Amino acid sequence: MASTTSASLGNLLRAGGRTGKPRKQILHPGSIGLLVGALVVVVGSLLPWVLTPFGSISGTAGPGLWTLCAGFVAVAGALLPRRWVAISHGLVAGGGAGFVAVWQLVRLGQVSATTDAWGQAMPGIGLVMVAGGAVILLATTVRLIRTPAVAPPA
């Protein structure tokens, strides 16, 4: 005995849902740049930020946790399908991660100068990656701001 429910469900699935509307795009033109920048910031936040003769200091021992949060804010901006949301998330995440990276570089130079230990404490790969990820996020955001918005297909 054939069920009419399964036949109507099959028709519904073939039609693509309850209405005949096309599916909305999830990604926007800046999604790839924001995802790459976020990945670089997140990975850099977990790597060593300061290298010393006695060992390394991880980014998560200090303000690397802030940049880790900024990386996930950028992921959210990349996956939400609104252009202005992506721009605001890119500015907040890129600006915040860039500020923390510059702040840590200045602080590292200040500590090296006051202790007369130039060359003993060096920036680690994590700090460099966070700074690079911030540049990627800000460049993607500037590109999103400069390109005109495209009307969605009807």
N, C-alpha and C. Protein backbone atom coordinates (compact mmCIF):
# COMPACT_ATOMS: atom_id res chain seq x y z
N MET A 1 0.84 -1.16 0.00
CA MET A 1 0.00 0.00 0.00
C MET A 1 0.89 1.24 0.00
N ALA A 2 0.73 2.08 -0.98
CA ALA A 2 1.58 3.26 -1.13
C ALA A 2 1.07 4.38 -0.24
N SER A 3 1.99 5.08 0.32
CA SER A 3 1.65 6.19 1.20
C SER A 3 1.72 7.51 0.42
N THR A 4 0.73 8.33 0.62
CA THR A 4 0.75 9.64 -0.04
C THR A 4 1.73 10.59 0.63
N THR A 5 2.07 10.30 1.87
CA THR A 5 3.02 11.15 2.60
C THR A 5 4.39 11.07 1.96
N SER A 6 4.85 9.87 1.64
CA SER A 6 6.17 9.73 1.06
C SER A 6 6.23 10.35 -0.34
N ALA A 7 5.12 10.28 -1.09
CA ALA A 7 5.11 10.89 -2.42
C ALA A 7 5.18 12.41 -2.31
N SER A 8 4.44 12.99 -1.38
CA SER A 8 4.48 14.45 -1.23
C SER A 8 5.81 14.90 -0.65
N LEU A 9 6.41 14.08 0.20
CA LEU A 9 7.73 14.41 0.73
C LEU A 9 8.77 14.38 -0.38
N GLY A 10 8.67 13.39 -1.25
CA GLY A 10 9.60 13.33 -2.38
C GLY A 10 9.46 14.53 -3.29
N ASN A 11 8.22 14.95 -3.56
CA ASN A 11 8.00 16.14 -4.38
C ASN A 11 8.56 17.39 -3.71
N LEU A 12 8.39 17.46 -2.41
CA LEU A 12 8.90 18.60 -1.65
C LEU A 12 10.42 18.66 -1.70
N LEU A 13 11.06 17.51 -1.56
CA LEU A 13 12.52 17.48 -1.61
C LEU A 13 13.04 17.81 -3.00
N ARG A 14 12.36 17.32 -4.03
CA ARG A 14 12.78 17.63 -5.40
C ARG A 14 12.63 19.11 -5.71
N ALA A 15 11.65 19.74 -5.10
CA ALA A 15 11.40 21.16 -5.35
C ALA A 15 12.39 22.04 -4.60
N GLY A 16 13.14 21.47 -3.66
CA GLY A 16 14.13 22.25 -2.94
C GLY A 16 13.60 22.88 -1.66
N GLY A 17 12.53 22.43 -1.13
CA GLY A 17 12.00 22.96 0.12
C GLY A 17 10.53 23.30 -0.01
N ARG A 18 10.03 24.00 0.97
CA ARG A 18 8.60 24.33 1.00
C ARG A 18 8.22 25.34 -0.08
N THR A 19 9.11 26.23 -0.40
CA THR A 19 8.81 27.21 -1.43
C THR A 19 9.78 27.03 -2.59
N GLY A 20 9.48 27.64 -3.67
CA GLY A 20 10.32 27.53 -4.85
C GLY A 20 11.44 28.55 -4.88
N LYS A 21 11.72 29.23 -3.76
CA LYS A 21 12.78 30.23 -3.73
C LYS A 21 14.14 29.56 -3.83
N PRO A 22 15.08 30.20 -4.52
CA PRO A 22 16.44 29.66 -4.54
C PRO A 22 17.09 29.83 -3.16
N ARG A 23 18.03 28.96 -2.87
CA ARG A 23 18.71 29.04 -1.58
C ARG A 23 19.59 30.28 -1.51
N LYS A 24 19.70 30.85 -0.32
CA LYS A 24 20.55 32.01 -0.11
C LYS A 24 22.00 31.56 -0.03
N GLN A 25 22.88 32.43 -0.45
CA GLN A 25 24.29 32.15 -0.32
C GLN A 25 24.71 32.34 1.12
N ILE A 26 25.59 31.48 1.60
CA ILE A 26 26.10 31.63 2.95
C ILE A 26 27.36 32.51 2.91
N LEU A 27 28.18 32.32 1.91
CA LEU A 27 29.44 33.06 1.84
C LEU A 27 29.26 34.36 1.06
N HIS A 28 30.10 35.32 1.34
CA HIS A 28 30.10 36.59 0.64
C HIS A 28 31.49 36.79 0.04
N PRO A 29 31.74 37.85 -0.73
CA PRO A 29 33.03 38.01 -1.40
C PRO A 29 34.25 38.07 -0.47
N GLY A 30 34.08 38.43 0.78
CA GLY A 30 35.21 38.50 1.70
C GLY A 30 35.36 37.29 2.59
N SER A 31 34.55 36.27 2.40
CA SER A 31 34.58 35.11 3.31
C SER A 31 35.91 34.39 3.30
N ILE A 32 36.48 34.17 2.13
CA ILE A 32 37.73 33.42 2.06
C ILE A 32 38.85 34.18 2.75
N GLY A 33 38.96 35.48 2.50
CA GLY A 33 39.99 36.28 3.14
C GLY A 33 39.83 36.32 4.65
N LEU A 34 38.59 36.45 5.12
CA LEU A 34 38.35 36.47 6.56
C LEU A 34 38.65 35.10 7.18
N LEU A 35 38.32 34.03 6.49
CA LEU A 35 38.62 32.70 7.02
C LEU A 35 40.12 32.44 7.09
N VAL A 36 40.84 32.85 6.05
CA VAL A 36 42.30 32.66 6.05
C VAL A 36 42.94 33.50 7.16
N GLY A 37 42.54 34.77 7.26
CA GLY A 37 43.08 35.63 8.31
C GLY A 37 42.74 35.10 9.70
N ALA A 38 41.52 34.61 9.88
CA ALA A 38 41.12 34.06 11.17
C ALA A 38 41.92 32.82 11.51
N LEU A 39 42.16 31.96 10.53
CA LEU A 39 42.94 30.75 10.76
C LEU A 39 44.37 31.10 11.17
N VAL A 40 44.96 32.08 10.51
CA VAL A 40 46.32 32.49 10.84
C VAL A 40 46.37 33.08 12.26
N VAL A 41 45.38 33.89 12.62
CA VAL A 41 45.34 34.48 13.96
C VAL A 41 45.13 33.40 15.02
N VAL A 42 44.22 32.47 14.79
CA VAL A 42 43.95 31.42 15.78
C VAL A 42 45.17 30.53 15.98
N VAL A 43 45.80 30.09 14.90
CA VAL A 43 46.98 29.23 15.03
C VAL A 43 48.13 30.00 15.68
N GLY A 44 48.32 31.26 15.28
CA GLY A 44 49.37 32.07 15.87
C GLY A 44 49.16 32.33 17.35
N SER A 45 47.91 32.38 17.78
CA SER A 45 47.62 32.61 19.19
C SER A 45 48.05 31.43 20.06
N LEU A 46 48.10 30.26 19.49
CA LEU A 46 48.45 29.05 20.23
C LEU A 46 49.94 28.75 20.21
N LEU A 47 50.68 29.37 19.32
CA LEU A 47 52.12 29.12 19.18
C LEU A 47 52.92 30.02 20.12
N PRO A 48 54.25 29.76 20.26
CA PRO A 48 55.09 30.60 21.13
C PRO A 48 55.18 32.04 20.63
N TRP A 49 55.08 33.00 21.56
CA TRP A 49 55.14 34.41 21.21
C TRP A 49 56.50 35.02 21.51
N VAL A 50 57.18 34.51 22.50
CA VAL A 50 58.49 35.06 22.89
C VAL A 50 59.47 33.90 23.02
N LEU A 51 60.62 34.05 22.39
CA LEU A 51 61.68 33.04 22.48
C LEU A 51 62.81 33.60 23.33
N THR A 52 63.21 32.85 24.36
CA THR A 52 64.31 33.26 25.23
C THR A 52 65.31 32.11 25.29
N PRO A 53 66.51 32.38 25.82
CA PRO A 53 67.48 31.28 25.98
C PRO A 53 66.99 30.20 26.96
N PHE A 54 66.04 30.53 27.80
CA PHE A 54 65.55 29.59 28.80
C PHE A 54 64.30 28.85 28.35
N GLY A 55 63.80 29.15 27.18
CA GLY A 55 62.59 28.50 26.67
C GLY A 55 61.69 29.51 25.98
N SER A 56 60.51 29.08 25.67
CA SER A 56 59.57 29.97 24.97
C SER A 56 58.36 30.25 25.86
N ILE A 57 57.71 31.38 25.56
CA ILE A 57 56.50 31.77 26.27
C ILE A 57 55.35 31.70 25.27
N SER A 58 54.34 30.91 25.61
CA SER A 58 53.21 30.71 24.71
C SER A 58 52.31 31.94 24.70
N GLY A 59 51.60 32.12 23.61
CA GLY A 59 50.66 33.23 23.50
C GLY A 59 49.49 33.10 24.44
N THR A 60 49.13 31.85 24.78
CA THR A 60 48.00 31.65 25.67
C THR A 60 48.34 31.93 27.13
N ALA A 61 49.61 32.25 27.42
CA ALA A 61 49.99 32.62 28.78
C ALA A 61 49.68 34.09 29.05
N GLY A 62 49.25 34.81 28.06
CA GLY A 62 48.96 36.23 28.23
C GLY A 62 47.87 36.68 27.29
N PRO A 63 48.13 37.76 26.55
CA PRO A 63 47.08 38.31 25.69
C PRO A 63 46.80 37.51 24.42
N GLY A 64 47.44 36.37 24.26
CA GLY A 64 47.11 35.51 23.13
C GLY A 64 45.69 34.99 23.21
N LEU A 65 45.13 34.96 24.41
CA LEU A 65 43.73 34.55 24.56
C LEU A 65 42.81 35.58 23.92
N TRP A 66 43.18 36.86 23.99
CA TRP A 66 42.38 37.91 23.34
C TRP A 66 42.41 37.73 21.83
N THR A 67 43.60 37.44 21.30
CA THR A 67 43.68 37.28 19.85
C THR A 67 42.99 35.99 19.40
N LEU A 68 42.98 34.99 20.26
CA LEU A 68 42.23 33.77 19.96
C LEU A 68 40.75 34.08 19.82
N CYS A 69 40.23 34.88 20.74
CA CYS A 69 38.82 35.31 20.65
C CYS A 69 38.58 36.14 19.39
N ALA A 70 39.53 37.02 19.06
CA ALA A 70 39.40 37.85 17.86
C ALA A 70 39.37 36.97 16.60
N GLY A 71 40.14 35.90 16.60
CA GLY A 71 40.12 34.98 15.46
C GLY A 71 38.76 34.34 15.27
N PHE A 72 38.11 33.98 16.35
CA PHE A 72 36.78 33.37 16.23
C PHE A 72 35.71 34.40 15.89
N VAL A 73 35.92 35.64 16.28
CA VAL A 73 35.01 36.71 15.84
C VAL A 73 35.11 36.85 14.32
N ALA A 74 36.33 36.75 13.78
CA ALA A 74 36.51 36.83 12.33
C ALA A 74 35.86 35.64 11.62
N VAL A 75 35.91 34.46 12.22
CA VAL A 75 35.23 33.29 11.64
C VAL A 75 33.74 33.55 11.56
N ALA A 76 33.18 34.13 12.61
CA ALA A 76 31.75 34.44 12.61
C ALA A 76 31.42 35.43 11.51
N GLY A 77 32.26 36.44 11.32
CA GLY A 77 32.03 37.42 10.26
C GLY A 77 32.14 36.81 8.88
N ALA A 78 32.97 35.79 8.74
CA ALA A 78 33.12 35.14 7.43
C ALA A 78 31.92 34.27 7.09
N LEU A 79 31.26 33.73 8.10
CA LEU A 79 30.18 32.78 7.84
C LEU A 79 28.79 33.38 7.90
N LEU A 80 28.65 34.60 8.40
CA LEU A 80 27.35 35.25 8.40
C LEU A 80 27.15 35.95 7.06
N PRO A 81 26.01 35.75 6.40
CA PRO A 81 25.85 36.20 5.02
C PRO A 81 25.49 37.67 4.84
N ARG A 82 25.88 38.53 5.72
CA ARG A 82 25.61 39.96 5.58
C ARG A 82 26.91 40.71 5.41
N ARG A 83 26.98 41.59 4.44
CA ARG A 83 28.20 42.31 4.11
C ARG A 83 28.64 43.24 5.24
N TRP A 84 27.70 43.98 5.82
CA TRP A 84 28.06 44.93 6.88
C TRP A 84 28.49 44.20 8.14
N VAL A 85 27.98 42.99 8.37
CA VAL A 85 28.42 42.19 9.50
C VAL A 85 29.86 41.74 9.28
N ALA A 86 30.17 41.35 8.05
CA ALA A 86 31.54 40.95 7.73
C ALA A 86 32.51 42.11 7.90
N ILE A 87 32.10 43.29 7.46
CA ILE A 87 32.97 44.47 7.59
C ILE A 87 33.22 44.79 9.06
N SER A 88 32.17 44.79 9.86
CA SER A 88 32.35 45.11 11.28
C SER A 88 33.17 44.04 12.01
N HIS A 89 32.93 42.77 11.71
CA HIS A 89 33.70 41.70 12.34
C HIS A 89 35.17 41.77 11.91
N GLY A 90 35.42 42.07 10.64
CA GLY A 90 36.79 42.18 10.17
C GLY A 90 37.53 43.33 10.82
N LEU A 91 36.85 44.47 10.98
CA LEU A 91 37.48 45.62 11.63
C LEU A 91 37.76 45.34 13.10
N VAL A 92 36.81 44.75 13.80
CA VAL A 92 37.00 44.47 15.23
C VAL A 92 38.09 43.42 15.43
N ALA A 93 38.02 42.33 14.69
CA ALA A 93 38.99 41.25 14.87
C ALA A 93 40.39 41.66 14.39
N GLY A 94 40.47 42.25 13.20
CA GLY A 94 41.77 42.65 12.67
C GLY A 94 42.40 43.78 13.48
N GLY A 95 41.57 44.76 13.84
CA GLY A 95 42.08 45.87 14.64
C GLY A 95 42.52 45.41 16.02
N GLY A 96 41.73 44.56 16.65
CA GLY A 96 42.08 44.06 17.98
C GLY A 96 43.34 43.20 17.97
N ALA A 97 43.42 42.27 17.03
CA ALA A 97 44.60 41.40 16.94
C ALA A 97 45.85 42.21 16.58
N GLY A 98 45.69 43.17 15.67
CA GLY A 98 46.82 44.02 15.31
C GLY A 98 47.29 44.88 16.47
N PHE A 99 46.35 45.43 17.23
CA PHE A 99 46.70 46.24 18.41
C PHE A 99 47.46 45.41 19.43
N VAL A 100 46.98 44.19 19.71
CA VAL A 100 47.64 43.34 20.69
C VAL A 100 49.04 42.95 20.21
N ALA A 101 49.19 42.64 18.92
CA ALA A 101 50.50 42.26 18.39
C ALA A 101 51.50 43.42 18.49
N VAL A 102 51.07 44.62 18.12
CA VAL A 102 51.96 45.78 18.20
C VAL A 102 52.28 46.08 19.66
N TRP A 103 51.29 45.98 20.51
CA TRP A 103 51.50 46.22 21.95
C TRP A 103 52.53 45.25 22.51
N GLN A 104 52.46 43.99 22.14
CA GLN A 104 53.42 43.01 22.64
C GLN A 104 54.82 43.24 22.06
N LEU A 105 54.90 43.65 20.81
CA LEU A 105 56.21 43.96 20.24
C LEU A 105 56.86 45.16 20.93
N VAL A 106 56.07 46.19 21.21
CA VAL A 106 56.58 47.36 21.92
C VAL A 106 57.00 46.98 23.34
N ARG A 107 56.19 46.18 23.99
CA ARG A 107 56.50 45.74 25.36
C ARG A 107 57.77 44.89 25.38
N LEU A 108 57.96 44.04 24.39
CA LEU A 108 59.16 43.22 24.28
C LEU A 108 60.39 44.10 24.10
N GLY A 109 60.27 45.11 23.25
CA GLY A 109 61.38 46.05 23.07
C GLY A 109 61.66 46.85 24.34
N GLN A 110 60.61 47.24 25.04
CA GLN A 110 60.77 47.99 26.28
C GLN A 110 61.48 47.16 27.35
N VAL A 111 61.08 45.91 27.50
CA VAL A 111 61.72 45.04 28.49
C VAL A 111 63.17 44.78 28.11
N SER A 112 63.43 44.59 26.83
CA SER A 112 64.81 44.37 26.38
C SER A 112 65.67 45.60 26.62
N ALA A 113 65.11 46.78 26.46
CA ALA A 113 65.87 48.01 26.65
C ALA A 113 66.15 48.27 28.14
N THR A 114 65.19 48.04 28.98
CA THR A 114 65.37 48.33 30.40
C THR A 114 66.29 47.32 31.09
N THR A 115 66.33 46.09 30.60
CA THR A 115 67.19 45.07 31.20
C THR A 115 68.52 44.94 30.48
N ASP A 116 68.73 45.76 29.46
CA ASP A 116 69.95 45.72 28.64
C ASP A 116 70.25 44.30 28.16
N ALA A 117 69.21 43.66 27.65
CA ALA A 117 69.32 42.28 27.19
C ALA A 117 68.88 42.18 25.73
N TRP A 118 69.42 43.04 24.87
CA TRP A 118 69.04 43.01 23.46
C TRP A 118 69.43 41.69 22.84
N GLY A 119 68.51 41.08 22.14
CA GLY A 119 68.76 39.82 21.46
C GLY A 119 68.52 38.59 22.31
N GLN A 120 68.22 38.78 23.60
CA GLN A 120 67.96 37.63 24.46
C GLN A 120 66.51 37.16 24.34
N ALA A 121 65.59 38.09 24.19
CA ALA A 121 64.17 37.76 24.01
C ALA A 121 63.76 38.21 22.61
N MET A 122 63.33 37.27 21.82
CA MET A 122 62.97 37.55 20.43
C MET A 122 61.49 37.22 20.20
N PRO A 123 60.85 37.93 19.26
CA PRO A 123 59.45 37.58 18.94
C PRO A 123 59.39 36.18 18.34
N GLY A 124 58.41 35.42 18.79
CA GLY A 124 58.23 34.06 18.29
C GLY A 124 57.34 34.03 17.05
N ILE A 125 57.21 32.84 16.50
CA ILE A 125 56.43 32.68 15.27
C ILE A 125 54.96 32.97 15.51
N GLY A 126 54.46 32.74 16.71
CA GLY A 126 53.05 33.00 16.99
C GLY A 126 52.72 34.47 16.92
N LEU A 127 53.59 35.31 17.48
CA LEU A 127 53.37 36.75 17.45
C LEU A 127 53.43 37.29 16.02
N VAL A 128 54.35 36.74 15.25
CA VAL A 128 54.47 37.15 13.84
C VAL A 128 53.23 36.71 13.05
N MET A 129 52.74 35.51 13.33
CA MET A 129 51.55 35.04 12.62
C MET A 129 50.31 35.85 13.00
N VAL A 130 50.18 36.23 14.26
CA VAL A 130 49.03 37.05 14.66
C VAL A 130 49.08 38.40 13.96
N ALA A 131 50.26 39.00 13.88
CA ALA A 131 50.39 40.28 13.17
C ALA A 131 50.05 40.11 11.69
N GLY A 132 50.53 39.03 11.08
CA GLY A 132 50.21 38.78 9.68
C GLY A 132 48.73 38.50 9.46
N GLY A 133 48.11 37.76 10.36
CA GLY A 133 46.67 37.50 10.27
C GLY A 133 45.85 38.77 10.41
N ALA A 134 46.32 39.68 11.27
CA ALA A 134 45.62 40.96 11.42
C ALA A 134 45.71 41.77 10.14
N VAL A 135 46.86 41.72 9.48
CA VAL A 135 47.00 42.42 8.20
C VAL A 135 46.06 41.82 7.15
N ILE A 136 45.96 40.49 7.11
CA ILE A 136 45.05 39.83 6.16
C ILE A 136 43.60 40.24 6.44
N LEU A 137 43.22 40.24 7.72
CA LEU A 137 41.84 40.60 8.08
C LEU A 137 41.53 42.05 7.70
N LEU A 138 42.45 42.96 8.00
CA LEU A 138 42.21 44.37 7.68
C LEU A 138 42.21 44.62 6.18
N ALA A 139 43.09 43.94 5.44
CA ALA A 139 43.12 44.10 3.98
C ALA A 139 41.83 43.57 3.35
N THR A 140 41.33 42.46 3.85
CA THR A 140 40.07 41.92 3.35
C THR A 140 38.91 42.87 3.66
N THR A 141 38.93 43.46 4.85
CA THR A 141 37.87 44.40 5.23
C THR A 141 37.90 45.65 4.36
N VAL A 142 39.10 46.15 4.08
CA VAL A 142 39.22 47.32 3.20
C VAL A 142 38.72 46.98 1.80
N ARG A 143 39.04 45.77 1.34
CA ARG A 143 38.55 45.35 0.02
C ARG A 143 37.02 45.26 0.00
N LEU A 144 36.43 44.78 1.09
CA LEU A 144 34.97 44.72 1.17
C LEU A 144 34.35 46.11 1.19
N ILE A 145 35.00 47.05 1.85
CA ILE A 145 34.47 48.41 1.91
C ILE A 145 34.54 49.07 0.53
N ARG A 146 35.63 48.85 -0.19
CA ARG A 146 35.83 49.53 -1.49
C ARG A 146 35.03 48.93 -2.63
N THR A 147 34.67 47.66 -2.54
CA THR A 147 33.89 47.05 -3.62
C THR A 147 32.42 47.33 -3.39
N PRO A 148 31.69 47.65 -4.45
CA PRO A 148 30.26 47.94 -4.27
C PRO A 148 29.49 46.66 -3.94
N ALA A 149 28.41 46.85 -3.23
CA ALA A 149 27.56 45.72 -2.88
C ALA A 149 26.83 45.24 -4.14
N VAL A 150 26.67 43.94 -4.25
CA VAL A 150 26.00 43.34 -5.40
C VAL A 150 24.59 42.94 -4.95
N ALA A 151 23.61 43.30 -5.74
CA ALA A 151 22.23 42.92 -5.43
C ALA A 151 22.07 41.42 -5.58
N PRO A 152 21.36 40.77 -4.66
CA PRO A 152 21.16 39.32 -4.78
C PRO A 152 20.30 39.01 -6.00
N PRO A 153 20.52 37.84 -6.60
CA PRO A 153 19.71 37.46 -7.76
C PRO A 153 18.25 37.30 -7.37
N ALA A 154 17.37 37.69 -8.28
CA ALA A 154 15.93 37.63 -7.99
C ALA A 154 15.37 36.26 -8.19
